[in-house]
Amino acid sequence: MYAVELTNLTRRFGDFTAVNNLSLQIKQGSIYGFLGPNGSGKSTTIRMLCGLMTPTSGSGKILGLDIAHDSEDIKHKIGYMSQKFSLYDDLTVKQNLEFYAGMYSLSEDVGERRIKEMLSLADLEDRQNELVVNLSGGWKQRLALGCAIIHTPQILFLDEPTGGVDPKSRRMFWEIIYKLASQGTTIMVTTHFMDEAEHCDEIGFIFEGNLIANGTPSQLIKMVPGVLVRIATHEPMELLETMIASSFPYLDIYPFGASLHILLEEDQLAQIAAFPYKQITPGLEDVFVYLVKSKRKEMKI
């Protein structure tokens, strides 16, 4: 049995289709990355899976339970952490955990044990009596995660969990995610950080409400055709791009930080020899750029 199984899941708001015929499966105990730009349908999908929003059409199952008819049963089996950490600033760290333990009707013994475990997991023992309002974004993030999993959910949904926190906090947060997955928790995480996505077992790319690719990181990287080269230069990007365009045809070209990435047919490498290029392996960001451009052409947008 899959932890998550969606078939043609669709959500419309009037004439606008936020999620369009989404079909995917997530294996139990895996980390599934759900990637896409803002407004692509990631959060809408998560809300439907958590029973916070009703699908317009299609179906979805969470641990075999129907998202349209079994939402109350599903809520006891899942954890959900939204982009805006659902914490109470006027309570202490420990009081927030106590509140969520009570909300999930944990017994006194189980609640005390889980609060201790969450404080340890999030490295918050020394801050348990601090008011949440005084915590940094990174500490709030870890506390929000502790609140989301205090009832030991089988599936954890994370909606842009590392937005607005520093790189060190992001790394520490992902260490906790790996630990949870190793203990059997299924995790679905939405993100626009490609470096985070590389650590997922499987990834789905969503664009304009459509799932445009799905697979392991290595499978997705193989979707980029030809060869990819990088040219680092101090020349203005527009000038360099014009020079290359006038020299030979290419499959695609786009800025990448302080460099240009150029997608070529393999037999075109000799033509680029006049430029200081380096052949590179595509990353997930290159995959996403390629897939989005292809989808835009297909949709004529």
Protein backbone atom coordinates (compact mmCIF):
# COMPACT_ATOMS: atom_id res chain seq x y z
CA MET A 1 0.00 0.00 0.00
CA TYR A 2 1.22 3.47 -0.87
CA ALA A 3 1.20 6.15 1.80
CA VAL A 4 -0.27 8.63 -0.68
CA GLU A 5 -2.11 7.76 -3.88
CA LEU A 6 -3.72 10.44 -6.07
CA THR A 7 -5.75 9.94 -9.24
CA ASN A 8 -6.69 12.91 -11.44
CA LEU A 9 -6.95 15.17 -8.38
CA THR A 10 -8.28 18.57 -9.43
CA ARG A 11 -9.12 21.80 -7.63
CA ARG A 12 -10.76 24.77 -9.33
CA PHE A 13 -11.57 28.22 -8.01
CA GLY A 14 -14.20 29.52 -10.41
CA ASP A 15 -12.60 29.49 -13.85
CA PHE A 16 -9.09 29.10 -12.42
CA THR A 17 -7.65 25.59 -12.15
CA ALA A 18 -5.12 25.50 -9.31
CA VAL A 19 -4.42 21.75 -9.53
CA ASN A 20 -5.12 19.88 -12.76
CA ASN A 21 -5.59 16.09 -12.95
CA LEU A 22 -2.76 15.34 -10.53
CA SER A 23 -1.85 11.65 -10.30
CA LEU A 24 1.04 10.36 -8.20
CA GLN A 25 2.05 7.73 -5.66
CA ILE A 26 4.32 8.10 -2.64
CA LYS A 27 5.94 5.07 -1.07
CA GLN A 28 5.72 4.53 2.66
CA GLY A 29 8.80 5.68 4.56
CA SER A 30 10.10 7.83 1.70
CA ILE A 31 10.83 11.56 1.38
CA TYR A 32 8.91 13.05 -1.54
CA GLY A 33 9.83 16.52 -2.76
CA PHE A 34 7.08 18.56 -4.40
CA LEU A 35 8.69 21.39 -6.35
CA GLY A 36 7.37 24.33 -8.28
CA PRO A 37 7.30 28.13 -8.43
CA ASN A 38 4.95 30.19 -6.26
CA GLY A 39 1.35 29.79 -7.37
CA SER A 40 1.94 26.45 -9.08
CA GLY A 41 -0.48 24.47 -6.89
CA LYS A 42 1.81 23.01 -4.23
CA SER A 43 0.04 24.39 -1.16
CA THR A 44 -3.41 23.71 -2.62
CA THR A 45 -2.43 20.07 -3.10
CA ILE A 46 -1.14 19.77 0.47
CA ARG A 47 -4.33 21.31 1.86
CA MET A 48 -6.47 18.82 -0.05
CA LEU A 49 -4.40 15.92 1.25
CA CYS A 50 -4.74 17.18 4.83
CA GLY A 51 -8.52 17.48 4.56
CA LEU A 52 -8.43 21.28 4.74
CA MET A 53 -9.85 21.71 1.23
CA THR A 54 -12.24 19.58 -0.83
CA PRO A 55 -11.16 18.49 -4.33
CA THR A 56 -13.32 19.60 -7.25
CA SER A 57 -12.85 16.20 -8.88
CA GLY A 58 -10.56 13.20 -8.85
CA SER A 59 -9.64 11.10 -5.84
CA GLY A 60 -6.94 10.72 -3.23
CA LYS A 61 -6.05 8.19 -0.58
CA ILE A 62 -3.92 8.64 2.52
CA LEU A 63 -2.92 5.29 4.03
CA GLY A 64 -5.89 3.79 2.22
CA LEU A 65 -8.34 6.40 3.55
CA ASP A 66 -10.32 8.58 1.15
CA ILE A 67 -9.46 12.29 1.47
CA ALA A 68 -13.02 13.31 0.56
CA HIS A 69 -14.86 11.05 3.02
CA ASP A 70 -12.38 10.08 5.75
CA SER A 71 -10.80 13.46 6.52
CA GLU A 72 -11.32 13.22 10.29
CA ASP A 73 -9.66 9.79 10.47
CA ILE A 74 -6.84 11.05 8.26
CA LYS A 75 -6.11 14.01 10.56
CA HIS A 76 -5.16 11.64 13.39
CA LYS A 77 -2.62 9.86 11.17
CA ILE A 78 -0.87 12.85 9.64
CA GLY A 79 1.19 15.83 10.74
CA TYR A 80 1.03 19.18 8.95
CA MET A 81 3.45 22.08 9.17
CA SER A 82 2.41 25.18 7.23
CA GLN A 83 4.55 27.97 5.80
CA LYS A 84 3.46 30.19 8.68
CA PHE A 85 4.48 28.31 11.81
CA SER A 86 1.28 27.77 13.84
CA LEU A 87 2.72 28.71 17.22
CA TYR A 88 1.48 30.80 20.13
CA ASP A 89 3.94 33.63 20.74
CA ASP A 90 2.65 34.38 24.24
CA LEU A 91 3.31 30.80 25.41
CA THR A 92 6.65 29.18 26.19
CA VAL A 93 8.23 26.48 24.06
CA LYS A 94 7.05 23.76 26.45
CA GLN A 95 3.56 25.23 26.75
CA ASN A 96 3.17 25.13 22.96
CA LEU A 97 4.09 21.44 22.98
CA GLU A 98 1.68 20.83 25.87
CA PHE A 99 -1.10 22.55 23.93
CA TYR A 100 -0.60 20.33 20.87
CA ALA A 101 -0.32 17.21 23.03
CA GLY A 102 -3.71 18.10 24.49
CA MET A 103 -5.18 18.90 21.09
CA TYR A 104 -4.29 15.38 19.92
CA SER A 105 -5.74 13.92 23.15
CA LEU A 106 -2.49 12.29 24.27
CA SER A 107 -2.66 10.78 27.74
CA GLU A 108 -0.70 12.52 30.49
CA ASP A 109 2.06 9.89 30.49
CA VAL A 110 2.37 9.75 26.71
CA GLY A 111 2.19 13.53 26.46
CA GLU A 112 5.01 14.05 28.95
CA ARG A 113 7.16 11.47 27.19
CA ARG A 114 6.56 12.96 23.74
CA ILE A 115 7.23 16.51 24.97
CA LYS A 116 10.61 15.39 26.30
CA GLU A 117 11.33 13.60 23.02
CA MET A 118 10.39 16.66 20.96
CA LEU A 119 12.52 18.98 23.09
CA SER A 120 15.45 16.62 22.59
CA LEU A 121 14.84 16.12 18.87
CA ALA A 122 14.67 19.87 18.24
CA ASP A 123 17.54 20.62 20.66
CA LEU A 124 15.21 22.89 22.65
CA GLU A 125 15.72 21.56 26.19
CA ASP A 126 17.59 24.69 27.27
CA ARG A 127 14.92 26.95 25.74
CA GLN A 128 11.77 25.16 26.90
CA ASN A 129 10.80 27.99 29.27
CA GLU A 130 11.42 30.81 26.78
CA LEU A 131 8.50 32.65 25.23
CA VAL A 132 8.12 31.77 21.56
CA VAL A 133 8.01 35.45 20.61
CA ASN A 134 11.69 35.69 21.59
CA LEU A 135 12.86 32.78 19.42
CA SER A 136 14.66 33.19 16.09
CA GLY A 137 13.12 31.83 12.90
CA GLY A 138 15.26 28.69 13.02
CA TRP A 139 14.20 27.80 16.57
CA LYS A 140 10.54 28.50 15.77
CA GLN A 141 10.85 26.23 12.77
CA ARG A 142 12.09 23.32 14.86
CA LEU A 143 9.44 23.91 17.51
CA ALA A 144 6.72 23.96 14.84
CA LEU A 145 8.01 20.62 13.58
CA GLY A 146 7.92 19.20 17.11
CA CYS A 147 4.30 20.34 17.48
CA ALA A 148 3.41 18.77 14.11
CA ILE A 149 4.76 15.33 15.04
CA ILE A 150 4.05 15.16 18.78
CA HIS A 151 1.28 12.60 18.13
CA THR A 152 3.67 10.34 16.12
CA PRO A 153 1.98 10.69 12.71
CA GLN A 154 2.61 8.12 9.98
CA ILE A 155 2.79 10.83 7.31
CA LEU A 156 4.20 14.34 7.65
CA PHE A 157 3.28 17.14 5.25
CA LEU A 158 5.68 20.08 5.21
CA ASP A 159 4.68 23.18 3.23
CA GLU A 160 7.74 25.33 2.47
CA PRO A 161 9.18 24.54 5.92
CA THR A 162 12.57 26.23 5.43
CA GLY A 163 11.44 29.53 3.94
CA GLY A 164 12.86 32.54 5.75
CA VAL A 165 15.43 30.70 7.86
CA ASP A 166 19.22 30.79 7.59
CA PRO A 167 21.26 28.06 5.80
CA LYS A 168 22.54 26.55 9.06
CA SER A 169 18.99 26.18 10.38
CA ARG A 170 17.95 24.63 7.07
CA ARG A 171 20.69 21.99 7.35
CA MET A 172 19.79 21.18 10.95
CA PHE A 173 16.12 20.93 10.02
CA TRP A 174 16.89 18.44 7.26
CA GLU A 175 18.92 16.32 9.64
CA ILE A 176 15.73 15.94 11.68
CA ILE A 177 13.79 15.06 8.51
CA TYR A 178 16.27 12.29 7.65
CA LYS A 179 15.98 10.91 11.16
CA LEU A 180 12.18 10.81 10.97
CA ALA A 181 12.28 9.08 7.58
CA SER A 182 14.76 6.50 8.88
CA GLN A 183 12.22 5.71 11.61
CA GLY A 184 9.53 5.00 9.01
CA THR A 185 7.72 8.33 8.72
CA THR A 186 6.57 9.19 5.19
CA ILE A 187 7.35 12.82 4.37
CA MET A 188 5.99 15.04 1.61
CA VAL A 189 7.72 18.41 1.47
CA THR A 190 7.07 21.37 -0.80
CA THR A 191 10.07 23.55 -1.52
CA HIS A 192 11.64 25.79 -4.14
CA PHE A 193 15.17 25.10 -2.87
CA MET A 194 16.71 22.76 -5.44
CA ASP A 195 19.58 21.78 -3.14
CA GLU A 196 17.02 20.44 -0.65
CA ALA A 197 15.19 18.52 -3.35
CA GLU A 198 18.34 16.60 -4.24
CA HIS A 199 18.07 14.83 -0.88
CA CYS A 200 14.56 13.51 -1.57
CA ASP A 201 13.93 9.92 -2.62
CA GLU A 202 11.52 11.06 -5.33
CA ILE A 203 10.52 14.43 -6.74
CA GLY A 204 7.50 15.82 -8.53
CA PHE A 205 7.73 19.04 -10.54
CA ILE A 206 4.47 20.98 -10.71
CA PHE A 207 3.88 23.95 -13.01
CA GLU A 208 0.62 25.86 -13.58
CA GLY A 209 -1.19 23.11 -11.65
CA ASN A 210 0.20 20.33 -13.85
CA LEU A 211 2.63 17.61 -12.79
CA ILE A 212 5.26 17.90 -15.52
CA ALA A 213 7.74 15.31 -14.22
CA ASN A 214 8.00 12.71 -11.49
CA GLY A 215 10.83 10.38 -10.48
CA THR A 216 14.09 10.00 -8.60
CA PRO A 217 16.66 12.81 -8.91
CA SER A 218 18.82 10.66 -11.21
CA GLN A 219 15.82 9.82 -13.42
CA LEU A 220 14.86 13.48 -13.74
CA ILE A 221 18.40 14.57 -14.63
CA LYS A 222 18.35 12.12 -17.55
CA MET A 223 15.38 14.00 -19.01
CA VAL A 224 17.65 16.87 -20.10
CA PRO A 225 18.77 16.14 -23.69
CA GLY A 226 22.18 16.77 -25.23
CA VAL A 227 25.12 18.09 -23.22
CA LEU A 228 25.25 21.02 -20.81
CA VAL A 229 28.15 23.47 -20.65
CA ARG A 230 28.89 26.41 -18.39
CA ILE A 231 30.63 29.61 -19.44
CA ALA A 232 31.85 31.89 -16.67
CA THR A 233 32.64 35.40 -17.87
CA HIS A 234 33.01 38.99 -16.79
CA GLU A 235 31.29 40.11 -19.99
CA PRO A 236 27.67 41.33 -19.71
CA MET A 237 25.36 38.33 -19.99
CA GLU A 238 23.32 39.86 -22.80
CA LEU A 239 26.45 40.53 -24.88
CA LEU A 240 27.81 37.01 -24.38
CA GLU A 241 24.44 35.47 -25.22
CA THR A 242 24.27 37.52 -28.42
CA MET A 243 27.81 36.46 -29.40
CA ILE A 244 26.99 32.79 -28.88
CA ALA A 245 23.66 33.04 -30.69
CA SER A 246 25.40 34.50 -33.74
CA SER A 247 28.06 31.77 -33.72
CA PHE A 248 26.02 28.54 -33.70
CA PRO A 249 22.56 27.16 -32.87
CA TYR A 250 21.84 25.68 -29.44
CA LEU A 251 18.99 23.89 -27.69
CA ASP A 252 18.73 26.39 -24.83
CA ILE A 253 20.66 29.12 -23.06
CA TYR A 254 19.98 30.84 -19.73
CA PRO A 255 21.80 32.73 -16.94
CA PHE A 256 22.86 30.67 -13.94
CA GLY A 257 24.32 32.84 -11.20
CA ALA A 258 27.38 34.57 -12.66
CA SER A 259 27.56 32.08 -15.55
CA LEU A 260 25.66 31.04 -18.64
CA HIS A 261 24.37 27.50 -19.03
CA ILE A 262 24.07 26.34 -22.62
CA LEU A 263 22.35 23.15 -23.75
CA LEU A 264 23.84 21.72 -26.94
CA GLU A 265 23.68 18.70 -29.18
CA GLU A 266 26.76 16.57 -28.56
CA ASP A 267 28.16 17.23 -32.04
CA GLN A 268 28.07 21.00 -31.36
CA LEU A 269 30.82 20.93 -28.72
CA ALA A 270 33.49 21.69 -31.30
CA GLN A 271 31.66 24.86 -32.29
CA ILE A 272 31.85 26.29 -28.78
CA ALA A 273 35.60 25.70 -28.46
CA ALA A 274 36.29 29.42 -28.95
CA PHE A 275 34.58 30.13 -25.64
CA PRO A 276 35.98 29.22 -22.18
CA TYR A 277 33.42 26.52 -21.45
CA LYS A 278 33.25 23.58 -19.07
CA GLN A 279 31.02 20.57 -19.64
CA ILE A 280 28.89 19.89 -16.55
CA THR A 281 26.26 17.46 -15.30
CA PRO A 282 22.78 19.01 -15.14
CA GLY A 283 21.39 19.72 -11.69
CA LEU A 284 17.75 19.73 -10.69
CA GLU A 285 17.52 23.46 -11.37
CA ASP A 286 18.64 22.82 -14.95
CA VAL A 287 16.03 20.07 -15.21
CA PHE A 288 13.32 22.40 -13.94
CA VAL A 289 14.31 25.22 -16.32
CA TYR A 290 14.25 22.81 -19.26
CA LEU A 291 10.90 21.25 -18.31
CA VAL A 292 9.19 24.58 -17.62
CA LYS A 293 10.35 26.06 -20.93
CA SER A 294 9.15 22.94 -22.74
CA LYS A 295 5.78 23.11 -20.98
CA ARG A 296 5.43 26.83 -21.77
CA LYS A 297 5.96 26.09 -25.46
CA GLU A 298 3.43 23.26 -25.30
CA MET A 299 0.87 25.49 -23.52
CA LYS A 300 1.82 28.48 -25.70
CA ILE A 301 2.28 30.82 -22.73
